[in-house]
N, C-alpha and C. Protein backbone atom coordinates (compact mmCIF):
# COMPACT_ATOMS: atom_id res chain seq x y z
N ILE A 1 -141.01 -101.93 146.90
CA ILE A 1 -140.26 -101.33 145.83
C ILE A 1 -141.04 -101.44 144.53
N TRP A 2 -141.63 -102.61 144.28
CA TRP A 2 -142.41 -102.82 143.08
C TRP A 2 -143.60 -101.85 143.09
N GLY A 3 -143.81 -101.20 141.96
CA GLY A 3 -144.97 -100.33 141.83
C GLY A 3 -144.75 -98.90 142.29
N TYR A 4 -143.55 -98.58 142.78
CA TYR A 4 -143.28 -97.23 143.28
C TYR A 4 -141.99 -96.71 142.67
N ASN A 5 -142.10 -95.80 141.72
CA ASN A 5 -140.91 -95.20 141.11
C ASN A 5 -140.11 -94.35 142.08
N ASP A 6 -140.73 -93.97 143.20
CA ASP A 6 -140.03 -93.17 144.21
C ASP A 6 -138.81 -93.89 144.78
N TRP A 7 -138.76 -95.21 144.65
CA TRP A 7 -137.64 -96.00 145.18
C TRP A 7 -136.39 -95.94 144.31
N ILE A 8 -136.52 -95.53 143.05
CA ILE A 8 -135.38 -95.58 142.12
C ILE A 8 -134.18 -94.77 142.63
N PRO A 9 -134.35 -93.52 143.08
CA PRO A 9 -133.19 -92.79 143.59
C PRO A 9 -132.55 -93.47 144.80
N THR A 10 -133.35 -94.09 145.64
CA THR A 10 -132.82 -94.81 146.79
C THR A 10 -131.96 -95.98 146.33
N LEU A 11 -132.47 -96.75 145.38
CA LEU A 11 -131.69 -97.88 144.86
C LEU A 11 -130.36 -97.41 144.28
N GLU A 12 -130.38 -96.30 143.57
CA GLU A 12 -129.15 -95.76 143.00
C GLU A 12 -128.16 -95.36 144.09
N ASN A 13 -128.67 -94.87 145.21
CA ASN A 13 -127.80 -94.46 146.33
C ASN A 13 -127.32 -95.63 147.18
N LEU A 14 -127.89 -96.81 146.98
CA LEU A 14 -127.48 -97.98 147.75
C LEU A 14 -126.30 -98.73 147.13
N LYS A 15 -125.78 -98.25 146.02
CA LYS A 15 -124.65 -98.92 145.38
C LYS A 15 -123.50 -99.07 146.37
N GLY A 16 -122.94 -100.29 146.44
CA GLY A 16 -121.86 -100.57 147.37
C GLY A 16 -122.32 -101.00 148.75
N THR A 17 -123.62 -101.21 148.91
CA THR A 17 -124.14 -101.59 150.23
C THR A 17 -124.86 -102.94 150.17
N THR A 18 -125.09 -103.49 151.34
CA THR A 18 -125.92 -104.67 151.52
C THR A 18 -127.15 -104.22 152.29
N PHE A 19 -128.32 -104.70 151.90
CA PHE A 19 -129.54 -104.23 152.55
C PHE A 19 -130.62 -105.31 152.54
N VAL A 20 -131.60 -105.15 153.41
CA VAL A 20 -132.74 -106.06 153.51
C VAL A 20 -133.98 -105.30 153.04
N VAL A 21 -134.81 -105.97 152.26
CA VAL A 21 -136.07 -105.41 151.79
C VAL A 21 -137.19 -106.23 152.39
N THR A 22 -138.18 -105.56 152.95
CA THR A 22 -139.34 -106.26 153.51
C THR A 22 -140.57 -105.95 152.67
N ALA A 23 -141.60 -106.78 152.82
CA ALA A 23 -142.84 -106.60 152.07
C ALA A 23 -144.02 -107.08 152.92
N TYR A 24 -145.21 -106.65 152.55
CA TYR A 24 -146.42 -107.05 153.25
C TYR A 24 -146.78 -108.51 153.02
N THR A 25 -146.41 -109.04 151.84
CA THR A 25 -146.72 -110.44 151.50
C THR A 25 -145.53 -111.05 150.77
N LEU A 26 -145.48 -112.36 150.74
CA LEU A 26 -144.43 -113.04 149.98
C LEU A 26 -144.58 -112.74 148.49
N GLU A 27 -145.80 -112.64 148.02
CA GLU A 27 -146.04 -112.32 146.61
C GLU A 27 -145.46 -110.95 146.24
N GLU A 28 -145.64 -109.97 147.13
CA GLU A 28 -145.07 -108.64 146.87
C GLU A 28 -143.55 -108.70 146.89
N ALA A 29 -142.99 -109.49 147.78
CA ALA A 29 -141.53 -109.64 147.83
C ALA A 29 -141.00 -110.21 146.52
N GLU A 30 -141.73 -111.15 145.95
CA GLU A 30 -141.31 -111.73 144.67
C GLU A 30 -141.40 -110.70 143.55
N GLU A 31 -142.35 -109.79 143.62
CA GLU A 31 -142.43 -108.71 142.64
C GLU A 31 -141.27 -107.73 142.83
N ASP A 32 -140.89 -107.48 144.07
CA ASP A 32 -139.72 -106.63 144.34
C ASP A 32 -138.46 -107.24 143.73
N TYR A 33 -138.37 -108.56 143.73
CA TYR A 33 -137.22 -109.26 143.16
C TYR A 33 -136.95 -108.79 141.73
N ASP A 34 -138.01 -108.72 140.93
CA ASP A 34 -137.86 -108.32 139.53
C ASP A 34 -137.27 -106.92 139.41
N VAL A 35 -137.73 -106.01 140.24
CA VAL A 35 -137.22 -104.63 140.22
C VAL A 35 -135.76 -104.60 140.64
N LEU A 36 -135.42 -105.31 141.70
CA LEU A 36 -134.05 -105.30 142.20
C LEU A 36 -133.08 -105.90 141.20
N LYS A 37 -133.47 -106.96 140.51
CA LYS A 37 -132.62 -107.55 139.48
C LYS A 37 -132.41 -106.56 138.32
N LYS A 38 -133.46 -105.84 137.97
CA LYS A 38 -133.40 -104.87 136.88
C LYS A 38 -132.35 -103.79 137.16
N TYR A 39 -132.19 -103.43 138.42
CA TYR A 39 -131.23 -102.39 138.79
C TYR A 39 -129.86 -102.95 139.15
N GLY A 40 -129.62 -104.21 138.83
CA GLY A 40 -128.30 -104.78 138.98
C GLY A 40 -127.95 -105.28 140.36
N SER A 41 -128.93 -105.48 141.20
CA SER A 41 -128.66 -105.98 142.55
C SER A 41 -128.28 -107.45 142.50
N GLU A 42 -127.46 -107.85 143.46
CA GLU A 42 -127.06 -109.26 143.61
C GLU A 42 -127.82 -109.84 144.81
N GLU A 43 -128.55 -110.91 144.57
CA GLU A 43 -129.35 -111.52 145.63
C GLU A 43 -128.46 -112.24 146.64
N ILE A 44 -128.65 -111.96 147.93
CA ILE A 44 -127.93 -112.66 148.99
C ILE A 44 -128.79 -113.80 149.52
N TRP A 45 -130.07 -113.50 149.82
CA TRP A 45 -131.00 -114.59 150.12
C TRP A 45 -132.35 -114.30 149.50
N LYS A 46 -132.99 -115.36 149.06
CA LYS A 46 -134.27 -115.27 148.36
C LYS A 46 -135.38 -114.79 149.29
N ALA A 47 -136.41 -114.24 148.68
CA ALA A 47 -137.58 -113.81 149.44
C ALA A 47 -138.15 -115.00 150.20
N GLU A 48 -138.43 -114.77 151.47
CA GLU A 48 -138.99 -115.81 152.32
C GLU A 48 -139.84 -115.17 153.40
N SER A 49 -140.64 -115.98 154.06
CA SER A 49 -141.44 -115.48 155.19
C SER A 49 -140.50 -115.02 156.29
N ASN A 50 -140.84 -113.91 156.89
CA ASN A 50 -140.04 -113.33 157.97
C ASN A 50 -140.59 -113.81 159.32
N PRO A 51 -139.81 -114.58 160.08
CA PRO A 51 -140.31 -115.09 161.36
C PRO A 51 -140.53 -113.98 162.40
N PHE A 52 -140.03 -112.78 162.12
CA PHE A 52 -140.17 -111.66 163.05
C PHE A 52 -141.24 -110.66 162.62
N CYS A 53 -142.10 -111.07 161.68
CA CYS A 53 -143.12 -110.16 161.16
C CYS A 53 -144.17 -109.83 162.22
N SER A 54 -144.95 -108.82 161.93
CA SER A 54 -146.07 -108.48 162.79
C SER A 54 -147.13 -109.57 162.70
N TYR A 55 -147.78 -109.84 163.78
CA TYR A 55 -148.88 -110.79 163.77
C TYR A 55 -150.23 -110.09 163.65
N ILE A 56 -150.18 -108.78 163.55
CA ILE A 56 -151.41 -107.99 163.40
C ILE A 56 -151.71 -107.87 161.91
N GLU A 57 -152.89 -108.28 161.52
CA GLU A 57 -153.29 -108.20 160.11
C GLU A 57 -153.55 -106.75 159.75
N ARG A 58 -153.03 -106.34 158.59
CA ARG A 58 -153.22 -104.97 158.10
C ARG A 58 -154.50 -104.96 157.28
N ASN A 59 -155.42 -104.07 157.63
CA ASN A 59 -156.69 -103.97 156.91
C ASN A 59 -156.44 -103.31 155.56
N THR A 60 -156.49 -104.10 154.50
CA THR A 60 -156.24 -103.61 153.14
C THR A 60 -157.40 -104.03 152.26
N GLN A 61 -158.26 -103.09 151.93
CA GLN A 61 -159.47 -103.41 151.16
C GLN A 61 -159.18 -103.74 149.71
N THR A 62 -158.04 -103.35 149.19
CA THR A 62 -157.74 -103.58 147.78
C THR A 62 -156.85 -104.80 147.56
N SER A 63 -156.65 -105.61 148.57
CA SER A 63 -155.75 -106.76 148.42
C SER A 63 -156.31 -107.77 147.42
N PRO A 64 -155.46 -108.21 146.48
CA PRO A 64 -155.94 -109.19 145.51
C PRO A 64 -156.10 -110.57 146.14
N ASN A 65 -157.09 -111.29 145.69
CA ASN A 65 -157.33 -112.68 146.13
C ASN A 65 -157.38 -112.82 147.65
N ASN A 66 -157.86 -111.80 148.33
CA ASN A 66 -158.00 -111.83 149.79
C ASN A 66 -156.68 -112.17 150.50
N ARG A 67 -155.57 -111.69 149.98
CA ARG A 67 -154.28 -111.90 150.65
C ARG A 67 -154.29 -111.26 152.02
N VAL A 68 -153.58 -111.87 152.95
CA VAL A 68 -153.42 -111.31 154.29
C VAL A 68 -152.15 -110.47 154.28
N TYR A 69 -152.29 -109.21 154.67
CA TYR A 69 -151.16 -108.29 154.72
C TYR A 69 -150.70 -108.12 156.16
N ARG A 70 -149.40 -108.20 156.37
CA ARG A 70 -148.79 -107.97 157.68
C ARG A 70 -147.51 -107.16 157.47
N GLU A 71 -147.21 -106.27 158.39
CA GLU A 71 -145.95 -105.51 158.32
C GLU A 71 -144.79 -106.49 158.32
N ASN A 72 -143.87 -106.29 157.38
CA ASN A 72 -142.63 -107.09 157.31
C ASN A 72 -142.88 -108.60 157.21
N ALA A 73 -143.93 -109.00 156.51
CA ALA A 73 -144.29 -110.42 156.41
C ALA A 73 -143.25 -111.24 155.65
N ALA A 74 -142.56 -110.61 154.72
CA ALA A 74 -141.53 -111.30 153.94
C ALA A 74 -140.28 -110.43 153.90
N TRP A 75 -139.14 -111.09 153.70
CA TRP A 75 -137.89 -110.33 153.60
C TRP A 75 -136.92 -111.02 152.67
N GLN A 76 -135.95 -110.26 152.20
CA GLN A 76 -134.90 -110.76 151.33
C GLN A 76 -133.70 -109.82 151.45
N ALA A 77 -132.53 -110.31 151.16
CA ALA A 77 -131.33 -109.48 151.27
C ALA A 77 -130.64 -109.35 149.92
N TRP A 78 -130.05 -108.18 149.70
CA TRP A 78 -129.44 -107.84 148.42
C TRP A 78 -128.14 -107.06 148.62
N ARG A 79 -127.33 -107.07 147.59
CA ARG A 79 -126.12 -106.24 147.53
C ARG A 79 -126.16 -105.48 146.22
N MET A 80 -125.88 -104.21 146.28
CA MET A 80 -125.84 -103.39 145.05
C MET A 80 -124.41 -103.28 144.59
């Protein structure tokens, strides 16, 4: 969600729902937190490592500080 304005209409349409947000890294999930709070979301559970994430490393040449990227590596739940 962080860094992509394309998500704003989706967030607006999620009002009245509970949803899970995933991210490639825990750091990205923490950045998503800031965006979700800005749009009035209520946190159900904090960003944490997802035990069901992919174990295949995603080849990302632009990753800062050599972070390891994995599909759904972190998750958090919210209510709008």
